[in-house]
Amino acid sequence: MEDLIQETLAEVLQHLGVTFRKFKVHIDKNNPSGNTIYRVDIDTDEAATLIGYHGETIYALQHVLKTLVWKKADENIFIILDVDSYRKRQEESVLALAIRKVETARKTLEIQTLPPMSPYFRRVIHMALAKPEFGDILTESIGEGEHRAVTIKVKS
């Protein structure tokens, strides 16, 4: 599967006219969802082009890559595409914010609401705060569409 992902991504990037130095495919079997996730990090001088405004291009490229690989392999797989560790840094930032909100919720016992974010980052927060060290915390997604956000509260 890793070879198929690499070949397909190389084809897509060549068609887009984007140069890259290398990319790595990592298999993440120990994620909270229990599914095998293929994490792909592209090393390029054209990171801004691939990331796009607020990551829109990287999400679109990820969707195209997943669809092409799925068609070729006839297997539905999970792929997370990253460019120069952009998404990794974003995940770390979102998780740090969520931890700060957990601390505030524990001190004040008031519901804390995070800014609206993508389904992916909301899931990252829900999964992280489902760990045993956050057994006193409840998370919930509220709102609609682009305004959907996560709330954090202490269990009563």
Protein backbone atom coordinates (compact mmCIF):
# COMPACT_ATOMS: atom_id res chain seq x y z
CA MET A 1 0.00 0.00 0.00
CA GLU A 2 2.87 2.37 0.82
CA ASP A 3 4.34 1.95 -2.67
CA LEU A 4 0.96 2.61 -4.28
CA ILE A 5 0.51 5.78 -2.21
CA GLN A 6 4.02 6.99 -3.14
CA GLU A 7 3.55 6.28 -6.86
CA THR A 8 0.13 7.92 -6.96
CA LEU A 9 1.27 11.00 -5.05
CA ALA A 10 4.32 11.39 -7.31
CA GLU A 11 2.04 11.27 -10.37
CA VAL A 12 -0.35 13.86 -8.93
CA LEU A 13 2.45 16.24 -7.95
CA GLN A 14 4.06 15.89 -11.39
CA HIS A 15 0.73 16.69 -13.08
CA LEU A 16 0.40 19.74 -10.85
CA GLY A 17 3.92 20.85 -11.76
CA VAL A 18 4.99 20.86 -8.13
CA THR A 19 8.57 19.90 -7.38
CA PHE A 20 9.38 17.97 -4.24
CA ARG A 21 12.53 16.61 -2.67
CA LYS A 22 10.98 13.55 -1.08
CA PHE A 23 8.02 12.29 0.85
CA LYS A 24 7.67 9.66 3.51
CA VAL A 25 4.77 7.34 4.20
CA HIS A 26 4.40 6.34 7.85
CA ILE A 27 1.92 3.75 9.04
CA ASP A 28 0.05 4.70 12.22
CA LYS A 29 -1.58 1.60 13.68
CA ASN A 30 -1.64 2.88 17.26
CA ASN A 31 -4.05 5.75 16.77
CA PRO A 32 -7.13 6.01 19.01
CA SER A 33 -9.56 5.07 16.21
CA GLY A 34 -7.96 1.64 15.80
CA ASN A 35 -7.80 2.04 12.00
CA THR A 36 -4.57 1.93 10.03
CA ILE A 37 -3.74 5.46 8.95
CA TYR A 38 -1.13 6.27 6.35
CA ARG A 39 0.57 9.58 7.18
CA VAL A 40 2.38 11.17 4.25
CA ASP A 41 4.72 14.14 4.71
CA ILE A 42 5.91 15.97 1.59
CA ASP A 43 9.23 17.83 1.71
CA THR A 44 9.11 20.67 -0.85
CA ASP A 45 10.14 24.25 -1.53
CA GLU A 46 6.58 24.90 -2.70
CA ALA A 47 4.90 24.29 0.65
CA ALA A 48 2.72 27.41 0.46
CA THR A 49 1.33 26.28 -2.90
CA LEU A 50 0.45 22.82 -1.58
CA ILE A 51 -0.93 24.03 1.75
CA GLY A 52 -3.07 26.85 0.34
CA TYR A 53 -5.19 29.34 2.26
CA HIS A 54 -5.87 27.92 5.75
CA GLY A 55 -4.89 24.46 4.48
CA GLU A 56 -7.64 24.24 1.87
CA THR A 57 -5.34 22.96 -0.88
CA ILE A 58 -3.73 20.29 1.29
CA TYR A 59 -7.19 18.97 2.28
CA ALA A 60 -8.27 18.87 -1.38
CA LEU A 61 -5.05 17.14 -2.39
CA GLN A 62 -5.50 14.62 0.43
CA HIS A 63 -9.02 13.85 -0.81
CA VAL A 64 -7.82 13.39 -4.41
CA LEU A 65 -4.95 11.14 -3.28
CA LYS A 66 -7.23 9.01 -1.10
CA THR A 67 -9.76 8.64 -3.92
CA LEU A 68 -7.14 7.67 -6.51
CA VAL A 69 -5.50 5.12 -4.20
CA TRP A 70 -8.89 3.72 -3.24
CA LYS A 71 -9.81 3.27 -6.93
CA LYS A 72 -6.48 1.60 -7.74
CA ALA A 73 -6.40 -0.69 -4.68
CA ASP A 74 -10.17 -1.19 -4.39
CA GLU A 75 -9.73 -0.65 -0.66
CA ASN A 76 -10.97 2.25 1.46
CA ILE A 77 -7.99 3.63 3.35
CA PHE A 78 -7.24 6.55 5.64
CA ILE A 79 -4.57 8.98 4.46
CA ILE A 80 -3.40 12.10 6.25
CA LEU A 81 -1.36 14.32 3.98
CA ASP A 82 1.10 16.80 5.46
CA VAL A 83 3.46 19.32 3.90
CA ASP A 84 6.66 20.22 5.75
CA SER A 85 4.92 19.14 9.01
CA TYR A 86 2.27 21.88 8.66
CA ARG A 87 -0.58 19.68 9.93
CA LYS A 88 1.53 18.24 12.72
CA ARG A 89 2.24 21.75 14.00
CA GLN A 90 -1.46 22.59 13.69
CA GLU A 91 -2.44 19.45 15.64
CA GLU A 92 0.01 20.34 18.40
CA SER A 93 -1.34 23.89 18.57
CA VAL A 94 -4.99 22.77 18.68
CA LEU A 95 -4.23 20.19 21.37
CA ALA A 96 -2.33 22.76 23.46
CA LEU A 97 -5.34 25.07 23.26
CA ALA A 98 -7.68 22.24 24.26
CA ILE A 99 -5.48 21.39 27.27
CA ARG A 100 -5.53 25.03 28.38
CA LYS A 101 -9.33 25.02 28.08
CA VAL A 102 -9.49 21.80 30.14
CA GLU A 103 -7.46 23.47 32.88
CA THR A 104 -9.78 26.50 32.81
CA ALA A 105 -12.87 24.27 32.91
CA ARG A 106 -11.47 22.38 35.91
CA LYS A 107 -10.77 25.63 37.78
CA THR A 108 -13.99 27.47 36.97
CA LEU A 109 -16.36 24.53 36.36
CA GLU A 110 -17.68 26.53 33.40
CA ILE A 111 -18.15 25.17 29.87
CA GLN A 112 -15.28 26.17 27.59
CA THR A 113 -15.84 26.56 23.84
CA LEU A 114 -13.03 26.26 21.32
CA PRO A 115 -13.06 28.22 18.05
CA PRO A 116 -14.81 26.60 15.07
CA MET A 117 -12.60 24.06 13.32
CA SER A 118 -12.59 21.31 10.73
CA PRO A 119 -14.03 17.86 11.45
CA TYR A 120 -10.48 16.46 11.48
CA PHE A 121 -9.28 18.75 14.27
CA ARG A 122 -12.49 18.31 16.26
CA ARG A 123 -11.91 14.55 16.10
CA VAL A 124 -8.28 14.99 17.21
CA ILE A 125 -9.54 16.87 20.30
CA HIS A 126 -12.32 14.39 21.09
CA MET A 127 -9.89 11.45 20.83
CA ALA A 128 -7.18 13.16 22.91
CA LEU A 129 -9.60 14.14 25.67
CA ALA A 130 -11.07 10.63 25.77
CA LYS A 131 -7.84 9.36 27.39
CA PRO A 132 -7.99 8.22 31.05
CA GLU A 133 -6.24 11.34 32.39
CA PHE A 134 -9.24 13.32 31.17
CA GLY A 135 -11.84 11.01 32.70
CA ASP A 136 -13.51 13.99 34.40
CA ILE A 137 -13.98 15.82 31.08
CA LEU A 138 -16.79 15.70 28.51
CA THR A 139 -16.45 17.03 24.96
CA GLU A 140 -19.21 17.79 22.49
CA SER A 141 -19.34 19.28 19.02
CA ILE A 142 -21.88 22.07 18.65
CA GLY A 143 -22.99 24.31 15.81
CA GLU A 144 -23.44 23.75 12.11
CA GLY A 145 -21.18 23.70 9.07
CA GLU A 146 -18.11 25.92 9.23
CA HIS A 147 -19.22 27.19 12.65
CA ARG A 148 -19.02 23.77 14.31
CA ALA A 149 -16.89 23.86 17.46
CA VAL A 150 -15.95 21.69 20.45
CA THR A 151 -17.12 22.40 23.97
CA ILE A 152 -15.27 21.14 27.01
CA LYS A 153 -16.88 20.69 30.39
CA VAL A 154 -16.24 18.94 33.68
CA LYS A 155 -18.51 15.99 34.39
CA SER A 156 -21.00 16.66 37.18
